[in-house]
N, C-alpha and C. Protein backbone atom coordinates (compact mmCIF):
# COMPACT_ATOMS: atom_id res chain seq x y z
N MET A 1 0.82 -1.17 0.00
CA MET A 1 0.00 0.00 0.00
C MET A 1 0.87 1.23 0.00
N LEU A 2 0.39 2.22 -0.76
CA LEU A 2 1.19 3.43 -0.91
C LEU A 2 0.86 4.41 0.21
N HIS A 3 1.83 5.12 0.58
CA HIS A 3 1.68 6.13 1.62
C HIS A 3 0.92 7.33 1.04
N PRO A 4 0.06 8.02 1.81
CA PRO A 4 -0.74 9.13 1.28
C PRO A 4 0.09 10.25 0.66
N LEU A 5 1.28 10.39 1.05
CA LEU A 5 2.12 11.46 0.48
C LEU A 5 3.04 10.94 -0.62
N HIS A 6 2.75 9.78 -1.10
CA HIS A 6 3.61 9.18 -2.13
C HIS A 6 3.56 10.06 -3.38
N PRO A 7 4.69 10.31 -4.04
CA PRO A 7 4.75 11.22 -5.20
C PRO A 7 3.86 10.78 -6.37
N ARG A 8 3.74 9.47 -6.62
CA ARG A 8 2.94 9.03 -7.78
C ARG A 8 1.46 9.32 -7.54
N LEU A 9 0.97 9.14 -6.36
CA LEU A 9 -0.42 9.41 -6.04
C LEU A 9 -0.70 10.91 -6.11
N ARG A 10 0.24 11.69 -5.62
CA ARG A 10 0.09 13.15 -5.67
C ARG A 10 0.05 13.63 -7.12
N ASP A 11 0.87 13.06 -8.00
CA ASP A 11 0.90 13.44 -9.41
C ASP A 11 -0.44 13.10 -10.09
N ARG A 12 -1.04 11.95 -9.74
CA ARG A 12 -2.33 11.58 -10.33
C ARG A 12 -3.42 12.56 -9.89
N ARG A 13 -3.43 12.91 -8.64
CA ARG A 13 -4.44 13.86 -8.16
C ARG A 13 -4.25 15.21 -8.82
N ASN A 14 -3.03 15.67 -8.95
CA ASN A 14 -2.78 16.95 -9.62
C ASN A 14 -3.25 16.90 -11.08
N ALA A 15 -3.04 15.76 -11.72
CA ALA A 15 -3.47 15.61 -13.12
C ALA A 15 -5.00 15.64 -13.21
N LEU A 16 -5.68 14.99 -12.28
CA LEU A 16 -7.14 15.00 -12.28
C LEU A 16 -7.68 16.41 -12.02
N VAL A 17 -7.08 17.13 -11.10
CA VAL A 17 -7.51 18.50 -10.82
C VAL A 17 -7.30 19.37 -12.06
N LEU A 18 -6.19 19.19 -12.73
CA LEU A 18 -5.91 19.94 -13.95
C LEU A 18 -6.93 19.60 -15.04
N LEU A 19 -7.24 18.31 -15.19
CA LEU A 19 -8.21 17.87 -16.19
C LEU A 19 -9.61 18.43 -15.86
N GLU A 20 -10.02 18.38 -14.61
CA GLU A 20 -11.32 18.94 -14.21
C GLU A 20 -11.37 20.44 -14.46
N THR A 21 -10.28 21.13 -14.19
CA THR A 21 -10.23 22.58 -14.42
C THR A 21 -10.36 22.89 -15.91
N LEU A 22 -9.68 22.13 -16.75
CA LEU A 22 -9.77 22.33 -18.21
C LEU A 22 -11.19 22.05 -18.72
N ILE A 23 -11.82 21.02 -18.21
CA ILE A 23 -13.19 20.69 -18.63
C ILE A 23 -14.15 21.80 -18.19
N ALA A 24 -13.99 22.27 -16.95
CA ALA A 24 -14.85 23.35 -16.46
C ALA A 24 -14.65 24.62 -17.28
N ALA A 25 -13.41 24.93 -17.62
CA ALA A 25 -13.14 26.12 -18.45
C ALA A 25 -13.76 25.95 -19.84
N GLY A 26 -13.68 24.76 -20.40
CA GLY A 26 -14.27 24.50 -21.72
C GLY A 26 -15.78 24.66 -21.70
N VAL A 27 -16.43 24.11 -20.68
CA VAL A 27 -17.88 24.23 -20.55
C VAL A 27 -18.28 25.69 -20.37
N THR A 28 -17.50 26.42 -19.57
CA THR A 28 -17.77 27.84 -19.35
C THR A 28 -17.65 28.62 -20.66
N LEU A 29 -16.63 28.33 -21.46
CA LEU A 29 -16.46 29.02 -22.74
C LEU A 29 -17.61 28.72 -23.70
N VAL A 30 -18.07 27.48 -23.72
CA VAL A 30 -19.19 27.11 -24.58
C VAL A 30 -20.44 27.88 -24.14
N MET A 31 -20.69 27.93 -22.85
CA MET A 31 -21.86 28.65 -22.34
C MET A 31 -21.76 30.14 -22.66
N LEU A 32 -20.59 30.72 -22.51
CA LEU A 32 -20.41 32.14 -22.84
C LEU A 32 -20.60 32.38 -24.33
N SER A 33 -20.13 31.47 -25.16
CA SER A 33 -20.27 31.66 -26.61
C SER A 33 -21.73 31.60 -27.04
N VAL A 34 -22.58 30.97 -26.26
CA VAL A 34 -24.02 30.93 -26.54
C VAL A 34 -24.71 32.13 -25.91
N ALA A 35 -24.36 32.46 -24.69
CA ALA A 35 -25.07 33.50 -23.93
C ALA A 35 -24.77 34.91 -24.43
N VAL A 36 -23.54 35.21 -24.76
CA VAL A 36 -23.17 36.58 -25.15
C VAL A 36 -23.92 37.02 -26.40
N PRO A 37 -23.96 36.25 -27.48
CA PRO A 37 -24.74 36.69 -28.64
C PRO A 37 -26.23 36.87 -28.34
N MET A 38 -26.77 36.03 -27.45
CA MET A 38 -28.19 36.18 -27.09
C MET A 38 -28.42 37.49 -26.34
N VAL A 39 -27.51 37.86 -25.47
CA VAL A 39 -27.64 39.12 -24.73
C VAL A 39 -27.53 40.30 -25.69
N ILE A 40 -26.61 40.23 -26.63
CA ILE A 40 -26.43 41.32 -27.60
C ILE A 40 -27.68 41.45 -28.48
N ARG A 41 -28.22 40.33 -28.95
CA ARG A 41 -29.43 40.37 -29.78
C ARG A 41 -30.62 40.93 -28.99
N SER A 42 -30.76 40.52 -27.75
CA SER A 42 -31.90 41.03 -26.98
C SER A 42 -31.77 42.52 -26.72
N ALA A 43 -30.55 43.03 -26.54
CA ALA A 43 -30.35 44.47 -26.38
C ALA A 43 -30.72 45.21 -27.66
N ARG A 44 -30.37 44.66 -28.80
CA ARG A 44 -30.73 45.28 -30.09
C ARG A 44 -32.25 45.29 -30.28
N ILE A 45 -32.89 44.18 -29.97
CA ILE A 45 -34.35 44.10 -30.12
C ILE A 45 -35.04 45.08 -29.17
N TRP A 46 -34.53 45.18 -27.95
CA TRP A 46 -35.10 46.13 -26.99
C TRP A 46 -34.98 47.55 -27.52
N LYS A 47 -33.83 47.89 -28.10
CA LYS A 47 -33.61 49.24 -28.65
C LYS A 47 -34.55 49.49 -29.85
N GLN A 48 -34.68 48.50 -30.73
CA GLN A 48 -35.58 48.65 -31.87
C GLN A 48 -37.03 48.82 -31.42
N THR A 49 -37.43 48.06 -30.41
CA THR A 49 -38.79 48.17 -29.90
C THR A 49 -39.03 49.55 -29.30
N ARG A 50 -38.05 50.06 -28.58
CA ARG A 50 -38.15 51.39 -27.99
C ARG A 50 -38.28 52.45 -29.09
N HIS A 51 -37.50 52.31 -30.15
CA HIS A 51 -37.57 53.25 -31.27
C HIS A 51 -38.93 53.18 -31.96
N GLN A 52 -39.46 51.97 -32.15
CA GLN A 52 -40.78 51.82 -32.77
C GLN A 52 -41.84 52.51 -31.91
N GLN A 53 -41.76 52.34 -30.60
CA GLN A 53 -42.74 52.95 -29.70
C GLN A 53 -42.63 54.48 -29.74
N LEU A 54 -41.40 55.00 -29.76
CA LEU A 54 -41.22 56.45 -29.84
C LEU A 54 -41.80 57.00 -31.15
N ALA A 55 -41.58 56.26 -32.25
CA ALA A 55 -42.12 56.69 -33.55
C ALA A 55 -43.64 56.68 -33.52
N ALA A 56 -44.23 55.64 -32.96
CA ALA A 56 -45.70 55.58 -32.88
C ALA A 56 -46.25 56.70 -31.99
N ASP A 57 -45.57 57.00 -30.89
CA ASP A 57 -46.00 58.09 -30.02
C ASP A 57 -45.91 59.44 -30.73
N GLU A 58 -44.85 59.65 -31.48
CA GLU A 58 -44.69 60.90 -32.24
C GLU A 58 -45.81 61.05 -33.26
N LEU A 59 -46.08 59.99 -34.02
CA LEU A 59 -47.15 60.05 -35.02
C LEU A 59 -48.51 60.25 -34.37
N SER A 60 -48.74 59.61 -33.26
CA SER A 60 -50.02 59.76 -32.56
C SER A 60 -50.22 61.20 -32.11
N GLY A 61 -49.19 61.81 -31.56
CA GLY A 61 -49.29 63.20 -31.13
C GLY A 61 -49.54 64.13 -32.30
N GLN A 62 -48.83 63.90 -33.40
CA GLN A 62 -49.01 64.73 -34.60
C GLN A 62 -50.44 64.57 -35.14
N LEU A 63 -50.94 63.32 -35.17
CA LEU A 63 -52.30 63.10 -35.66
C LEU A 63 -53.33 63.78 -34.78
N ASP A 64 -53.17 63.69 -33.48
CA ASP A 64 -54.11 64.35 -32.56
C ASP A 64 -54.15 65.85 -32.83
N ARG A 65 -52.99 66.43 -33.04
CA ARG A 65 -52.90 67.88 -33.30
C ARG A 65 -53.58 68.21 -34.63
N LEU A 66 -53.33 67.41 -35.66
CA LEU A 66 -53.88 67.69 -36.98
C LEU A 66 -55.40 67.50 -37.03
N ILE A 67 -55.91 66.50 -36.34
CA ILE A 67 -57.35 66.24 -36.35
C ILE A 67 -58.11 67.40 -35.70
N ALA A 68 -57.54 68.02 -34.70
CA ALA A 68 -58.21 69.10 -33.98
C ALA A 68 -58.25 70.41 -34.78
N MET A 69 -57.49 70.51 -35.86
CA MET A 69 -57.41 71.75 -36.64
C MET A 69 -58.56 71.87 -37.64
N PRO A 70 -58.91 73.11 -38.00
CA PRO A 70 -59.84 73.31 -39.13
C PRO A 70 -59.18 72.87 -40.44
N ALA A 71 -59.97 72.74 -41.49
CA ALA A 71 -59.51 72.14 -42.75
C ALA A 71 -58.32 72.86 -43.38
N GLU A 72 -58.37 74.16 -43.57
CA GLU A 72 -57.30 74.86 -44.28
C GLU A 72 -55.99 74.90 -43.48
N PRO A 73 -56.01 75.25 -42.21
CA PRO A 73 -54.75 75.18 -41.44
C PRO A 73 -54.20 73.76 -41.37
N ARG A 74 -55.09 72.77 -41.37
CA ARG A 74 -54.64 71.37 -41.35
C ARG A 74 -53.84 71.05 -42.61
N ARG A 75 -54.35 71.50 -43.75
CA ARG A 75 -53.67 71.23 -45.02
C ARG A 75 -52.27 71.86 -45.02
N GLN A 76 -52.17 73.08 -44.52
CA GLN A 76 -50.87 73.76 -44.44
C GLN A 76 -49.94 73.05 -43.45
N ALA A 77 -50.48 72.61 -42.32
CA ALA A 77 -49.67 71.94 -41.31
C ALA A 77 -49.14 70.61 -41.83
N ILE A 78 -49.92 69.90 -42.64
CA ILE A 78 -49.46 68.63 -43.20
C ILE A 78 -48.29 68.87 -44.14
N GLU A 79 -48.34 69.96 -44.89
CA GLU A 79 -47.24 70.27 -45.81
C GLU A 79 -45.97 70.66 -45.07
N GLN A 80 -46.10 71.18 -43.85
CA GLN A 80 -44.94 71.67 -43.09
C GLN A 80 -44.59 70.77 -41.90
N LEU A 81 -44.94 69.50 -41.96
CA LEU A 81 -44.67 68.59 -40.84
C LEU A 81 -43.17 68.45 -40.58
N THR A 82 -42.81 68.47 -39.30
CA THR A 82 -41.42 68.21 -38.90
C THR A 82 -41.44 67.32 -37.66
N VAL A 83 -40.37 66.57 -37.50
CA VAL A 83 -40.22 65.70 -36.34
C VAL A 83 -39.84 66.55 -35.14
N SER A 84 -40.39 66.25 -33.98
CA SER A 84 -40.06 67.00 -32.77
C SER A 84 -38.58 66.83 -32.44
N PRO A 85 -37.96 67.83 -31.83
CA PRO A 85 -36.51 67.76 -31.53
C PRO A 85 -36.15 66.57 -30.64
N ALA A 86 -37.00 66.22 -29.68
CA ALA A 86 -36.69 65.10 -28.79
C ALA A 86 -36.61 63.79 -29.58
N ILE A 87 -37.50 63.62 -30.54
CA ILE A 87 -37.50 62.40 -31.36
C ILE A 87 -36.34 62.43 -32.35
N ALA A 88 -36.03 63.59 -32.89
CA ALA A 88 -34.92 63.71 -33.84
C ALA A 88 -33.59 63.35 -33.19
N ASP A 89 -33.46 63.60 -31.87
CA ASP A 89 -32.23 63.23 -31.17
C ASP A 89 -32.09 61.72 -31.03
N VAL A 90 -33.20 61.01 -30.89
CA VAL A 90 -33.15 59.56 -30.67
C VAL A 90 -33.17 58.79 -31.99
N LEU A 91 -34.05 59.18 -32.90
CA LEU A 91 -34.19 58.50 -34.19
C LEU A 91 -33.39 59.27 -35.24
N HIS A 92 -32.26 58.73 -35.61
CA HIS A 92 -31.33 59.44 -36.49
C HIS A 92 -31.90 59.60 -37.90
N ASP A 93 -31.76 60.80 -38.44
CA ASP A 93 -32.24 61.15 -39.79
C ASP A 93 -33.73 60.88 -39.95
N ALA A 94 -34.52 61.14 -38.92
CA ALA A 94 -35.95 60.88 -38.96
C ALA A 94 -36.64 61.90 -39.86
N THR A 95 -37.54 61.40 -40.69
CA THR A 95 -38.36 62.26 -41.55
C THR A 95 -39.80 61.82 -41.42
N ILE A 96 -40.68 62.81 -41.43
CA ILE A 96 -42.10 62.53 -41.31
C ILE A 96 -42.81 63.05 -42.56
N GLU A 97 -43.73 62.25 -43.05
CA GLU A 97 -44.49 62.63 -44.24
C GLU A 97 -45.97 62.45 -43.94
N GLY A 98 -46.76 63.35 -44.45
CA GLY A 98 -48.20 63.27 -44.25
C GLY A 98 -48.94 63.52 -45.54
N THR A 99 -50.04 62.82 -45.70
CA THR A 99 -50.90 63.02 -46.87
C THR A 99 -52.35 63.08 -46.40
N LEU A 100 -53.11 63.89 -47.08
CA LEU A 100 -54.54 64.00 -46.84
C LEU A 100 -55.22 63.25 -47.98
N VAL A 101 -55.95 62.19 -47.66
CA VAL A 101 -56.56 61.32 -48.66
C VAL A 101 -58.08 61.44 -48.55
N ASP A 102 -58.72 61.59 -49.72
CA ASP A 102 -60.18 61.63 -49.78
C ASP A 102 -60.60 60.69 -50.89
N ASP A 103 -61.02 59.48 -50.52
CA ASP A 103 -61.41 58.49 -51.52
C ASP A 103 -62.67 57.75 -51.07
N ASP A 104 -62.90 56.57 -51.62
CA ASP A 104 -64.10 55.81 -51.31
C ASP A 104 -64.20 55.41 -49.83
N ASP A 105 -63.07 55.35 -49.16
CA ASP A 105 -63.05 54.96 -47.74
C ASP A 105 -63.33 56.13 -46.82
N GLY A 106 -63.33 57.33 -47.33
CA GLY A 106 -63.57 58.52 -46.51
C GLY A 106 -62.36 59.43 -46.51
N LYS A 107 -62.46 60.51 -45.78
CA LYS A 107 -61.38 61.49 -45.70
C LYS A 107 -60.50 61.12 -44.51
N ARG A 108 -59.19 61.02 -44.77
CA ARG A 108 -58.28 60.60 -43.72
C ARG A 108 -56.90 61.22 -43.87
N ILE A 109 -56.16 61.20 -42.77
CA ILE A 109 -54.77 61.66 -42.76
C ILE A 109 -53.89 60.43 -42.59
N GLU A 110 -52.86 60.32 -43.43
CA GLU A 110 -51.89 59.23 -43.30
C GLU A 110 -50.54 59.85 -43.00
N LEU A 111 -49.96 59.48 -41.87
CA LEU A 111 -48.64 59.96 -41.48
C LEU A 111 -47.69 58.78 -41.42
N SER A 112 -46.45 58.99 -41.89
CA SER A 112 -45.44 57.93 -41.79
C SER A 112 -44.12 58.55 -41.34
N LEU A 113 -43.39 57.80 -40.55
CA LEU A 113 -42.11 58.24 -39.98
C LEU A 113 -41.05 57.22 -40.36
N GLN A 114 -39.98 57.69 -40.95
CA GLN A 114 -38.86 56.84 -41.37
C GLN A 114 -37.59 57.37 -40.75
N TRP A 115 -36.69 56.49 -40.37
CA TRP A 115 -35.39 56.89 -39.83
C TRP A 115 -34.36 55.85 -40.22
N THR A 116 -33.09 56.17 -40.01
CA THR A 116 -31.99 55.29 -40.40
C THR A 116 -31.96 54.08 -39.48
N ARG A 117 -32.07 52.88 -40.09
CA ARG A 117 -32.00 51.63 -39.35
C ARG A 117 -31.36 50.58 -40.23
N ALA A 118 -30.98 49.46 -39.63
CA ALA A 118 -30.36 48.37 -40.38
C ALA A 118 -31.39 47.76 -41.33
N GLY A 119 -30.95 47.40 -42.50
CA GLY A 119 -31.86 46.83 -43.49
C GLY A 119 -32.67 47.93 -44.14
N GLU A 120 -33.76 47.55 -44.76
CA GLU A 120 -34.67 48.52 -45.37
C GLU A 120 -36.08 48.29 -44.87
N PRO A 121 -36.32 48.54 -43.58
CA PRO A 121 -37.67 48.31 -43.05
C PRO A 121 -38.64 49.37 -43.52
N LEU A 122 -39.91 49.02 -43.50
CA LEU A 122 -40.97 49.96 -43.86
C LEU A 122 -41.08 51.03 -42.78
N PRO A 123 -41.54 52.22 -43.15
CA PRO A 123 -41.74 53.26 -42.12
C PRO A 123 -42.90 52.90 -41.21
N VAL A 124 -42.90 53.52 -40.04
CA VAL A 124 -44.03 53.38 -39.12
C VAL A 124 -45.12 54.31 -39.64
N THR A 125 -46.34 53.80 -39.80
CA THR A 125 -47.43 54.57 -40.39
C THR A 125 -48.66 54.51 -39.49
N LEU A 126 -49.31 55.66 -39.34
CA LEU A 126 -50.58 55.74 -38.63
C LEU A 126 -51.59 56.47 -39.52
N VAL A 127 -52.84 56.06 -39.40
CA VAL A 127 -53.92 56.65 -40.20
C VAL A 127 -55.04 57.07 -39.26
N ALA A 128 -55.61 58.24 -39.55
CA ALA A 128 -56.75 58.72 -38.77
C ALA A 128 -57.81 59.24 -39.73
N TRP A 129 -59.04 58.81 -39.53
CA TRP A 129 -60.15 59.27 -40.35
C TRP A 129 -60.66 60.59 -39.79
N ILE A 130 -60.82 61.56 -40.68
CA ILE A 130 -61.33 62.87 -40.29
C ILE A 130 -62.84 62.89 -40.45
N ASP A 131 -63.28 62.46 -41.61
CA ASP A 131 -64.71 62.48 -41.94
C ASP A 131 -65.07 61.13 -42.54
N PRO A 132 -65.32 60.13 -41.70
CA PRO A 132 -65.62 58.81 -42.26
C PRO A 132 -66.94 58.85 -43.02
N LEU A 133 -67.07 57.92 -43.92
CA LEU A 133 -68.30 57.84 -44.70
C LEU A 133 -69.48 57.51 -43.79
N PRO A 134 -70.65 58.08 -44.08
CA PRO A 134 -71.82 57.75 -43.25
C PRO A 134 -72.16 56.28 -43.41
N THR A 135 -72.73 55.70 -42.37
CA THR A 135 -73.11 54.30 -42.43
C THR A 135 -74.31 54.14 -43.34
N SER A 136 -74.52 52.94 -43.85
CA SER A 136 -75.65 52.70 -44.74
C SER A 136 -76.96 52.80 -43.96
N SER A 137 -78.07 53.00 -44.67
CA SER A 137 -79.36 53.22 -44.02
C SER A 137 -79.81 52.01 -43.22
N ALA A 138 -79.40 50.80 -43.63
CA ALA A 138 -79.79 49.59 -42.91
C ALA A 138 -79.09 49.52 -41.55
N GLU A 139 -77.86 50.06 -41.48
CA GLU A 139 -77.11 49.99 -40.23
C GLU A 139 -77.49 51.11 -39.28
N SER A 140 -77.87 52.27 -39.82
CA SER A 140 -78.17 53.40 -38.94
C SER A 140 -79.64 53.38 -38.57
N SER A 141 -79.94 53.98 -37.45
CA SER A 141 -81.33 54.02 -37.01
C SER A 141 -82.05 55.15 -37.75
N SER A 142 -83.34 55.03 -37.87
CA SER A 142 -84.12 56.07 -38.54
C SER A 142 -84.23 57.28 -37.63
N PRO A 143 -84.53 58.47 -38.18
CA PRO A 143 -84.64 59.67 -37.34
C PRO A 143 -85.68 59.52 -36.24
N ASN A 144 -86.79 58.81 -36.50
CA ASN A 144 -87.82 58.63 -35.48
C ASN A 144 -87.30 57.84 -34.30
N GLU A 145 -86.47 56.78 -34.60
CA GLU A 145 -85.91 55.98 -33.52
C GLU A 145 -84.95 56.81 -32.68
N ALA A 146 -84.17 57.66 -33.31
CA ALA A 146 -83.22 58.49 -32.58
C ALA A 146 -83.98 59.44 -31.67
N ASN A 147 -85.09 60.03 -32.16
CA ASN A 147 -85.88 60.94 -31.33
C ASN A 147 -86.52 60.22 -30.16
N SER A 148 -86.98 58.98 -30.39
CA SER A 148 -87.59 58.26 -29.29
C SER A 148 -86.55 57.90 -28.23
N ASP A 149 -85.32 57.61 -28.64
CA ASP A 149 -84.26 57.34 -27.67
C ASP A 149 -83.96 58.58 -26.86
N GLU A 150 -83.95 59.74 -27.52
CA GLU A 150 -83.69 60.99 -26.81
C GLU A 150 -84.82 61.27 -25.82
N ALA A 151 -86.06 61.00 -26.22
CA ALA A 151 -87.19 61.22 -25.33
C ALA A 151 -87.11 60.29 -24.13
N ASN A 152 -86.74 59.05 -24.36
CA ASN A 152 -86.61 58.09 -23.25
C ASN A 152 -85.52 58.53 -22.29
N SER A 153 -84.41 59.03 -22.81
CA SER A 153 -83.32 59.45 -21.92
C SER A 153 -83.72 60.70 -21.14
N ASP A 154 -84.52 61.61 -21.77
CA ASP A 154 -84.99 62.79 -21.05
C ASP A 154 -85.92 62.39 -19.91
N GLU A 155 -86.81 61.41 -20.18
CA GLU A 155 -87.73 60.95 -19.14
C GLU A 155 -86.97 60.30 -18.00
N ALA A 156 -85.93 59.53 -18.32
CA ALA A 156 -85.13 58.87 -17.28
C ALA A 156 -84.42 59.90 -16.42
N GLU A 157 -83.91 60.98 -17.04
CA GLU A 157 -83.24 62.03 -16.27
C GLU A 157 -84.22 62.72 -15.33
N ARG A 158 -85.44 62.99 -15.82
CA ARG A 158 -86.45 63.62 -14.97
C ARG A 158 -86.84 62.71 -13.81
N ALA A 159 -86.95 61.41 -14.07
CA ALA A 159 -87.31 60.45 -13.02
C ALA A 159 -86.21 60.39 -11.96
N ASP A 160 -84.94 60.48 -12.38
CA ASP A 160 -83.83 60.48 -11.43
C ASP A 160 -83.83 61.75 -10.60
N ALA A 161 -84.23 62.87 -11.20
CA ALA A 161 -84.19 64.15 -10.50
C ALA A 161 -85.33 64.28 -9.50
N GLU A 162 -86.51 63.69 -9.77
CA GLU A 162 -87.67 63.82 -8.89
C GLU A 162 -87.45 63.25 -7.50
N PRO A 163 -86.87 62.05 -7.33
CA PRO A 163 -86.65 61.55 -5.98
C PRO A 163 -85.71 62.45 -5.17
N ALA A 164 -84.75 63.06 -5.81
CA ALA A 164 -83.82 63.94 -5.10
C ALA A 164 -84.57 65.16 -4.58
N GLU A 165 -85.53 65.69 -5.37
CA GLU A 165 -86.31 66.85 -4.93
C GLU A 165 -87.21 66.45 -3.76
N ASN A 166 -87.83 65.25 -3.80
CA ASN A 166 -88.68 64.78 -2.73
C ASN A 166 -87.88 64.60 -1.44
N ASP A 167 -86.64 64.12 -1.54
CA ASP A 167 -85.78 63.95 -0.36
C ASP A 167 -85.48 65.29 0.28
N GLN A 168 -85.26 66.33 -0.52
CA GLN A 168 -84.96 67.65 0.02
C GLN A 168 -86.17 68.22 0.74
N GLU A 169 -87.39 68.00 0.20
CA GLU A 169 -88.60 68.49 0.83
C GLU A 169 -88.83 67.78 2.18
N ALA A 170 -88.52 66.49 2.25
CA ALA A 170 -88.73 65.72 3.48
C ALA A 170 -87.76 66.18 4.56
N ASP A 171 -86.56 66.61 4.19
CA ASP A 171 -85.58 67.08 5.16
C ASP A 171 -86.02 68.38 5.82
N GLN A 172 -86.79 69.17 5.12
CA GLN A 172 -87.20 70.49 5.66
C GLN A 172 -88.31 70.30 6.57
């Protein structure tokens, strides 16, 4: 039997420790080679998603402003659209375009925002109807039905108000 401090036994243990260390380092490198690209891709996707959301927010704000305007100032504002400075700082070379469309679908504003990104993605586009086409006669209620609904709602309001008046009289 060999003594615990025997040189041959010590050399075998050192070799096993070295082998285990090399295997652990190899496994760690494989895991890092998989994890690092995934982290980089997720950071890029997060940034792209943030940019898409900022573009949609910018277009939404512009559309809200344009819809609230009268017709002639709206037309002039669409021709002079510019990206807000805060968005221009984040979305490089951002350009905004707007068109006023009046066709079979109704009158609407179409805004699109494009900026420099990898590849050739489509711009972010939002559409808002200004004057949608009236619904067909089968879908809309007749004028008599609308008046009867208004009369019913007036009666309901009066009925709600009467108990409140009776309560005030009882308190006195």
